[in-house]
Amino acid sequence: SVRQRVGGKVTIKDMEEARKSGVDTTGTVCLWPAEEVMAHYLLEHAQDFEGKNVVELGAGVGLAGLALAARVKANCILLTDGNA
């Protein structure tokens, strides 16, 4: 099993050890700029999602979907992410 060497911090050494163990670390250490743009867009157009079913594919840390969920009463908001 792979564990952080220092709680609350991710270092380059942690990432190297994870990769050696076959762990895909894509997107685990940052908030992608596109996610911030998507969150802004969704909040500016929040009314379009009222009562709708929403699926966010490749949500990463989920900022955009969580922001939308906090703002609107959608029927369902599903956030997905995974590395295949």
C-alpha atoms as a PDB file:
ATOM      1  CA  SER A   1       0.000   0.000   0.000  1.00  0.00           C
ATOM      2  CA  VAL A   2       1.120   3.568  -0.720  1.00  0.00           C
ATOM      3  CA  ARG A   3       0.899   6.172   2.032  1.00  0.00           C
ATOM      4  CA  GLN A   4       1.944   9.778   2.331  1.00  0.00           C
ATOM      5  CA  ARG A   5       5.258  10.067   4.147  1.00  0.00           C
ATOM      6  CA  VAL A   6       4.241  13.368   5.756  1.00  0.00           C
ATOM      7  CA  GLY A   7       0.576  13.846   6.676  1.00  0.00           C
ATOM      8  CA  GLY A   8      -1.160  16.688   4.844  1.00  0.00           C
ATOM      9  CA  LYS A   9       1.610  17.090   2.262  1.00  0.00           C
ATOM     10  CA  VAL A  10       2.339  15.503  -1.096  1.00  0.00           C
ATOM     11  CA  THR A  11       5.935  15.632  -2.264  1.00  0.00           C
ATOM     12  CA  ILE A  12       7.657  14.665  -5.502  1.00  0.00           C
ATOM     13  CA  LYS A  13       9.036  11.634  -3.637  1.00  0.00           C
ATOM     14  CA  ASP A  14       5.467  10.570  -2.762  1.00  0.00           C
ATOM     15  CA  MET A  15       4.454  10.844  -6.417  1.00  0.00           C
ATOM     16  CA  GLU A  16       7.500   8.842  -7.556  1.00  0.00           C
ATOM     17  CA  GLU A  17       6.763   6.097  -5.037  1.00  0.00           C
ATOM     18  CA  ALA A  18       3.114   5.984  -6.088  1.00  0.00           C
ATOM     19  CA  ARG A  19       4.058   5.596  -9.756  1.00  0.00           C
ATOM     20  CA  LYS A  20       6.529   2.801  -8.921  1.00  0.00           C
ATOM     21  CA  SER A  21       3.619   1.022  -7.221  1.00  0.00           C
ATOM     22  CA  GLY A  22       1.380   1.418 -10.264  1.00  0.00           C
ATOM     23  CA  VAL A  23      -0.817   4.188  -8.833  1.00  0.00           C
ATOM     24  CA  ASP A  24      -2.106   6.620 -11.474  1.00  0.00           C
ATOM     25  CA  THR A  25      -1.740  10.045  -9.858  1.00  0.00           C
ATOM     26  CA  THR A  26      -3.266  12.078 -12.683  1.00  0.00           C
ATOM     27  CA  GLY A  27      -5.003  15.127 -11.240  1.00  0.00           C
ATOM     28  CA  THR A  28      -4.405  14.293  -7.591  1.00  0.00           C
ATOM     29  CA  VAL A  29      -2.308  17.304  -6.677  1.00  0.00           C
ATOM     30  CA  CYS A  30      -3.898  20.249  -8.402  1.00  0.00           C
ATOM     31  CA  LEU A  31      -7.056  22.060  -9.281  1.00  0.00           C
ATOM     32  CA  TRP A  32      -7.053  22.239 -13.058  1.00  0.00           C
ATOM     33  CA  PRO A  33      -7.628  25.741 -14.524  1.00  0.00           C
ATOM     34  CA  ALA A  34     -10.343  24.334 -16.789  1.00  0.00           C
ATOM     35  CA  GLU A  35     -12.249  23.246 -13.687  1.00  0.00           C
ATOM     36  CA  GLU A  36     -12.265  26.823 -12.399  1.00  0.00           C
ATOM     37  CA  VAL A  37     -13.533  28.028 -15.785  1.00  0.00           C
ATOM     38  CA  MET A  38     -16.236  25.344 -15.801  1.00  0.00           C
ATOM     39  CA  ALA A  39     -17.348  26.290 -12.271  1.00  0.00           C
ATOM     40  CA  HIS A  40     -17.604  29.952 -13.314  1.00  0.00           C
ATOM     41  CA  TYR A  41     -19.619  29.045 -16.415  1.00  0.00           C
ATOM     42  CA  LEU A  42     -21.980  26.772 -14.483  1.00  0.00           C
ATOM     43  CA  LEU A  43     -22.620  29.422 -11.838  1.00  0.00           C
ATOM     44  CA  GLU A  44     -23.271  32.070 -14.496  1.00  0.00           C
ATOM     45  CA  HIS A  45     -25.812  29.737 -16.158  1.00  0.00           C
ATOM     46  CA  ALA A  46     -27.123  28.015 -13.034  1.00  0.00           C
ATOM     47  CA  GLN A  47     -30.774  28.572 -13.965  1.00  0.00           C
ATOM     48  CA  ASP A  48     -30.292  26.286 -16.975  1.00  0.00           C
ATOM     49  CA  PHE A  49     -29.720  23.350 -14.618  1.00  0.00           C
ATOM     50  CA  GLU A  50     -32.732  23.750 -12.303  1.00  0.00           C
ATOM     51  CA  GLY A  51     -34.615  20.442 -12.098  1.00  0.00           C
ATOM     52  CA  LYS A  52     -32.226  18.719 -14.520  1.00  0.00           C
ATOM     53  CA  ASN A  53     -30.069  15.607 -14.221  1.00  0.00           C
ATOM     54  CA  VAL A  54     -26.407  16.630 -14.503  1.00  0.00           C
ATOM     55  CA  VAL A  55     -23.377  14.377 -15.010  1.00  0.00           C
ATOM     56  CA  GLU A  56     -19.845  15.745 -14.771  1.00  0.00           C
ATOM     57  CA  LEU A  57     -17.408  13.369 -16.453  1.00  0.00           C
ATOM     58  CA  GLY A  58     -13.812  13.605 -15.279  1.00  0.00           C
ATOM     59  CA  ALA A  59     -14.688  15.786 -12.293  1.00  0.00           C
ATOM     60  CA  GLY A  60     -11.236  15.677 -10.710  1.00  0.00           C
ATOM     61  CA  VAL A  61     -11.643  17.222  -7.261  1.00  0.00           C
ATOM     62  CA  GLY A  62     -15.227  18.125  -8.212  1.00  0.00           C
ATOM     63  CA  LEU A  63     -15.152  21.921  -7.864  1.00  0.00           C
ATOM     64  CA  ALA A  64     -17.479  22.633 -10.784  1.00  0.00           C
ATOM     65  CA  GLY A  65     -20.091  20.030  -9.869  1.00  0.00           C
ATOM     66  CA  LEU A  66     -19.990  20.882  -6.176  1.00  0.00           C
ATOM     67  CA  ALA A  67     -20.363  24.590  -6.924  1.00  0.00           C
ATOM     68  CA  LEU A  68     -23.383  23.847  -9.090  1.00  0.00           C
ATOM     69  CA  ALA A  69     -24.888  21.575  -6.428  1.00  0.00           C
ATOM     70  CA  ALA A  70     -24.528  24.356  -3.860  1.00  0.00           C
ATOM     71  CA  ARG A  71     -26.304  26.860  -6.130  1.00  0.00           C
ATOM     72  CA  VAL A  72     -29.188  25.042  -7.845  1.00  0.00           C
ATOM     73  CA  LYS A  73     -31.918  22.550  -7.093  1.00  0.00           C
ATOM     74  CA  ALA A  74     -31.078  20.072  -9.803  1.00  0.00           C
ATOM     75  CA  ASN A  75     -32.898  16.757  -9.860  1.00  0.00           C
ATOM     76  CA  CYS A  76     -29.567  14.899  -9.611  1.00  0.00           C
ATOM     77  CA  ILE A  77     -25.905  15.866  -9.918  1.00  0.00           C
ATOM     78  CA  LEU A  78     -23.472  12.980 -10.476  1.00  0.00           C
ATOM     79  CA  LEU A  79     -19.727  13.608 -10.352  1.00  0.00           C
ATOM     80  CA  THR A  80     -17.451  10.979 -11.863  1.00  0.00           C
ATOM     81  CA  ASP A  81     -13.721  10.570 -12.176  1.00  0.00           C
ATOM     82  CA  GLY A  82     -11.404   7.687 -12.776  1.00  0.00           C
ATOM     83  CA  ASN A  83      -8.340   6.540 -14.567  1.00  0.00           C
ATOM     84  CA  ALA A  84      -8.688   3.515 -16.786  1.00  0.00           C
END
